[in-house]
Amino acid sequence: ATTTPTRTQISLKFGRLERLLCAGVAVPDGWLTTTARAALSATHTAALEELLRGGPVIVRGAFPDEDGAVRSAAGLSETIPGCTSIAGISAAIHAIAARCPDRAVVAYFGAAPTRADVLIQRQVPRALLAVVAARANLPPMLEIHGTSPEALAWGASPRFSGPLSAWDHPLASALGALVADVLAQVTAARGVDIEIVVDTDGTPWVVQARPLTVD
């Protein structure tokens, strides 16, 4: 179940994920709220308790104008994995709210954002992380990482880097089909950055789809 603060307020990041989910693309279920709300409502709490029965959730923050055509503030908000209780989710939302006046955030936006959107999402047990740069009519480029929680932020060397067609792995065709599904819903002049988590059962899930800001 996904709810929104209002249709016009959803951050582009989470709006694209919602569009993909509604189109039947494999996106983990989640619940969308905002730090502008003082606390989780009773409706949120009941839905989140049901979500938690399926295992830990990851709480992801995004600023309303975070992803644009020529620049991106990816990484300026907080992502808190491994939340197993309503109290843990609430603490994660407060941590995301606390990022709004951060110096780097203010420098990017010119002023502290009044809120961040928050996606509380089923956490996929990760076996692999695939990062794909894709654009229509061009071969997708792929990086494969393992289970390191911050492989991208830490600059870890990937297990594989190159064209998706050169990745000799049983999951290559499934990833190719998933990338095609994303490109059917999300377009950008310079291409799309797609992050796909492969779970421990070998099922790939889209957890990010944002415009690339350079070719």
Protein backbone atom coordinates (compact mmCIF):
# COMPACT_ATOMS: atom_id res chain seq x y z
CA ALA A 1 0.00 0.00 0.00
CA THR A 2 1.35 3.40 -0.93
CA THR A 3 -0.10 6.72 0.19
CA THR A 4 1.14 10.18 -0.59
CA PRO A 5 1.15 13.57 1.17
CA THR A 6 -0.44 15.04 -1.98
CA ARG A 7 0.17 14.20 -5.61
CA THR A 8 2.07 17.43 -6.33
CA GLN A 9 4.32 17.11 -3.29
CA ILE A 10 5.94 13.74 -3.93
CA SER A 11 9.67 13.94 -4.49
CA LEU A 12 10.59 12.97 -8.03
CA LYS A 13 12.62 10.07 -6.69
CA PHE A 14 9.71 8.42 -4.91
CA GLY A 15 7.19 9.47 -7.56
CA ARG A 16 9.10 7.47 -10.16
CA LEU A 17 9.23 4.42 -7.91
CA GLU A 18 5.50 4.68 -7.33
CA ARG A 19 4.90 4.89 -11.08
CA LEU A 20 7.00 1.77 -11.62
CA LEU A 21 5.17 -0.09 -8.85
CA CYS A 22 1.78 0.82 -10.33
CA ALA A 23 3.00 -0.38 -13.74
CA GLY A 24 3.77 -3.81 -12.32
CA VAL A 25 7.57 -3.43 -12.18
CA ALA A 26 9.21 -5.29 -9.28
CA VAL A 27 9.53 -2.54 -6.63
CA PRO A 28 9.43 -3.46 -2.91
CA ASP A 29 6.17 -2.46 -1.19
CA GLY A 30 6.30 0.61 0.99
CA TRP A 31 4.52 3.49 2.66
CA LEU A 32 5.15 7.13 1.85
CA THR A 33 4.94 9.95 4.38
CA THR A 34 6.74 13.23 5.07
CA THR A 35 8.77 14.75 7.89
CA ALA A 36 6.32 17.68 7.89
CA ARG A 37 3.96 15.46 9.89
CA ALA A 38 4.63 15.59 13.61
CA ALA A 39 4.17 11.84 14.11
CA LEU A 40 3.03 8.68 12.44
CA SER A 41 -0.76 8.49 12.34
CA ALA A 42 -2.75 5.51 13.61
CA THR A 43 -3.36 4.55 9.97
CA HIS A 44 0.36 4.62 9.26
CA THR A 45 1.13 2.63 12.41
CA ALA A 46 -1.34 -0.15 11.53
CA ALA A 47 -0.03 -0.41 7.98
CA LEU A 48 3.58 -0.35 9.12
CA GLU A 49 3.00 -3.05 11.71
CA GLU A 50 1.69 -5.23 8.89
CA LEU A 51 4.74 -4.35 6.77
CA LEU A 52 7.08 -5.20 9.67
CA ARG A 53 5.58 -8.66 9.97
CA GLY A 54 7.36 -9.42 6.69
CA GLY A 55 10.76 -8.48 8.13
CA PRO A 56 12.89 -5.34 8.59
CA VAL A 57 12.16 -2.16 6.66
CA ILE A 58 14.45 0.50 5.25
CA VAL A 59 13.56 4.16 5.81
CA ARG A 60 14.65 6.43 2.95
CA GLY A 61 14.57 10.21 2.81
CA ALA A 62 14.41 12.44 -0.26
CA PHE A 63 14.07 16.19 -0.70
CA PRO A 64 11.31 17.40 -3.06
CA ASP A 65 13.69 18.78 -5.71
CA GLU A 66 16.48 16.27 -5.18
CA ASP A 67 16.67 14.76 -8.68
CA GLY A 68 16.72 17.06 -11.69
CA ALA A 69 17.71 16.94 -15.33
CA VAL A 70 21.08 18.65 -14.87
CA ARG A 71 21.96 18.10 -11.21
CA SER A 72 21.21 15.63 -8.44
CA ALA A 73 21.41 15.78 -4.65
CA ALA A 74 21.59 12.02 -4.29
CA GLY A 75 23.03 11.07 -0.92
CA LEU A 76 22.25 14.34 0.88
CA SER A 77 19.34 12.80 2.75
CA GLU A 78 19.50 9.82 5.09
CA THR A 79 18.80 6.15 4.49
CA ILE A 80 18.34 4.01 7.60
CA PRO A 81 18.17 0.23 7.05
CA GLY A 82 17.27 -2.54 9.46
CA CYS A 83 14.32 -0.93 11.25
CA THR A 84 12.31 -3.60 13.07
CA SER A 85 9.80 -1.58 15.15
CA ILE A 86 7.54 1.46 15.01
CA ALA A 87 9.91 3.18 17.45
CA GLY A 88 12.83 2.48 15.13
CA ILE A 89 10.92 3.86 12.16
CA SER A 90 9.99 7.01 14.11
CA ALA A 91 13.63 7.53 15.11
CA ALA A 92 14.68 7.14 11.47
CA ILE A 93 12.13 9.76 10.37
CA HIS A 94 13.50 12.18 12.98
CA ALA A 95 17.04 11.52 11.70
CA ILE A 96 15.90 12.34 8.16
CA ALA A 97 14.22 15.54 9.39
CA ALA A 98 17.43 16.54 11.16
CA ARG A 99 19.25 16.60 7.81
CA CYS A 100 17.18 19.52 6.50
CA PRO A 101 19.35 22.28 8.08
CA ASP A 102 22.64 20.49 7.34
CA ARG A 103 25.28 22.76 5.74
CA ALA A 104 25.62 20.62 2.61
CA VAL A 105 21.85 20.52 2.12
CA VAL A 106 21.51 24.29 2.56
CA ALA A 107 24.41 24.86 0.15
CA TYR A 108 22.71 22.73 -2.50
CA PHE A 109 19.20 24.17 -2.22
CA GLY A 110 20.10 27.72 -1.13
CA ALA A 111 17.99 27.32 2.01
CA ALA A 112 17.00 24.55 4.37
CA PRO A 113 14.13 22.47 2.92
CA THR A 114 10.96 22.66 4.97
CA ARG A 115 10.53 18.89 4.82
CA ALA A 116 11.78 15.66 3.32
CA ASP A 117 9.64 12.89 1.90
CA VAL A 118 10.07 9.53 3.60
CA LEU A 119 9.65 6.10 2.03
CA ILE A 120 9.29 3.26 4.52
CA GLN A 121 9.94 0.23 2.39
CA ARG A 122 10.30 -3.52 2.76
CA GLN A 123 14.03 -4.19 2.99
CA VAL A 124 15.22 -6.68 0.41
CA PRO A 125 17.82 -9.16 1.80
CA ARG A 126 20.64 -8.40 -0.59
CA ALA A 127 22.81 -10.90 -2.40
CA LEU A 128 23.90 -8.50 -5.16
CA LEU A 129 23.53 -4.83 -6.05
CA ALA A 130 23.33 -3.99 -9.75
CA VAL A 131 23.77 -0.38 -10.87
CA VAL A 132 22.75 0.22 -14.47
CA ALA A 133 23.20 3.26 -16.69
CA ALA A 134 20.59 2.87 -19.41
CA ARG A 135 19.23 4.88 -22.31
CA ALA A 136 16.94 3.87 -25.14
CA ASN A 137 18.75 2.48 -28.20
CA LEU A 138 22.11 2.18 -26.36
CA PRO A 139 23.56 -0.92 -24.66
CA PRO A 140 23.02 -0.74 -20.86
CA MET A 141 26.19 -0.39 -18.81
CA LEU A 142 26.40 -2.37 -15.58
CA GLU A 143 28.22 -2.48 -12.26
CA ILE A 144 27.80 -5.41 -9.87
CA HIS A 145 28.49 -5.06 -6.15
CA GLY A 146 28.13 -7.48 -3.25
CA THR A 147 26.58 -7.04 0.17
CA SER A 148 28.62 -4.05 1.40
CA PRO A 149 25.97 -1.64 2.76
CA GLU A 150 27.55 1.49 1.26
CA ALA A 151 29.39 0.14 -1.77
CA LEU A 152 28.65 3.22 -3.87
CA ALA A 153 29.29 5.86 -1.20
CA TRP A 154 32.52 4.15 -0.17
CA GLY A 155 33.74 3.89 -3.74
CA ALA A 156 34.14 0.12 -3.59
CA SER A 157 35.47 -1.61 -6.69
CA PRO A 158 32.67 -3.54 -8.40
CA ARG A 159 32.77 -7.26 -8.99
CA PHE A 160 31.92 -6.56 -12.63
CA SER A 161 31.86 -3.39 -14.72
CA GLY A 162 30.94 -3.23 -18.39
CA PRO A 163 28.10 -3.79 -20.84
CA LEU A 164 25.19 -5.79 -19.44
CA SER A 165 25.51 -8.08 -22.47
CA ALA A 166 29.03 -9.04 -21.31
CA TRP A 167 27.94 -10.09 -17.80
CA ASP A 168 28.15 -13.88 -17.92
CA HIS A 169 25.60 -14.68 -15.21
CA PRO A 170 22.25 -16.56 -15.09
CA LEU A 171 20.54 -13.33 -13.96
CA ALA A 172 21.69 -11.28 -16.95
CA SER A 173 18.52 -11.83 -18.98
CA ALA A 174 16.26 -11.06 -16.00
CA LEU A 175 18.15 -7.81 -15.39
CA GLY A 176 17.89 -6.91 -19.06
CA ALA A 177 14.11 -7.42 -19.00
CA LEU A 178 13.79 -5.35 -15.82
CA VAL A 179 15.84 -2.51 -17.32
CA ALA A 180 13.57 -2.52 -20.37
CA ASP A 181 10.51 -2.33 -18.09
CA VAL A 182 11.99 0.69 -16.30
CA LEU A 183 12.85 2.50 -19.54
CA ALA A 184 9.27 2.01 -20.71
CA GLN A 185 8.13 4.11 -17.74
CA VAL A 186 11.04 6.47 -16.97
CA THR A 187 12.78 8.51 -19.65
CA ALA A 188 15.55 11.09 -19.43
CA ALA A 189 17.59 12.86 -22.09
CA ARG A 190 20.94 11.54 -20.83
CA GLY A 191 19.69 8.18 -19.61
CA VAL A 192 18.54 6.66 -16.35
CA ASP A 193 20.51 5.47 -13.31
CA ILE A 194 18.80 2.27 -12.11
CA GLU A 195 19.69 0.48 -8.88
CA ILE A 196 18.54 -3.12 -8.61
CA VAL A 197 18.86 -5.29 -5.51
CA VAL A 198 18.94 -9.03 -6.11
CA ASP A 199 17.57 -10.86 -3.09
CA THR A 200 18.85 -14.09 -1.60
CA ASP A 201 16.33 -16.05 -3.69
CA GLY A 202 17.72 -14.55 -6.90
CA THR A 203 14.82 -12.14 -7.52
CA PRO A 204 15.78 -8.64 -8.74
CA TRP A 205 13.99 -5.57 -7.33
CA VAL A 206 14.19 -1.96 -8.52
CA VAL A 207 15.00 0.35 -5.61
CA GLN A 208 16.09 3.47 -7.53
CA ALA A 209 15.50 5.08 -10.91
CA ARG A 210 16.77 8.62 -11.42
CA PRO A 211 17.90 10.73 -14.41
CA LEU A 212 21.58 10.77 -15.26
CA THR A 213 22.83 14.35 -15.27
CA VAL A 214 25.68 13.78 -17.72
CA ASP A 215 25.94 11.57 -20.81
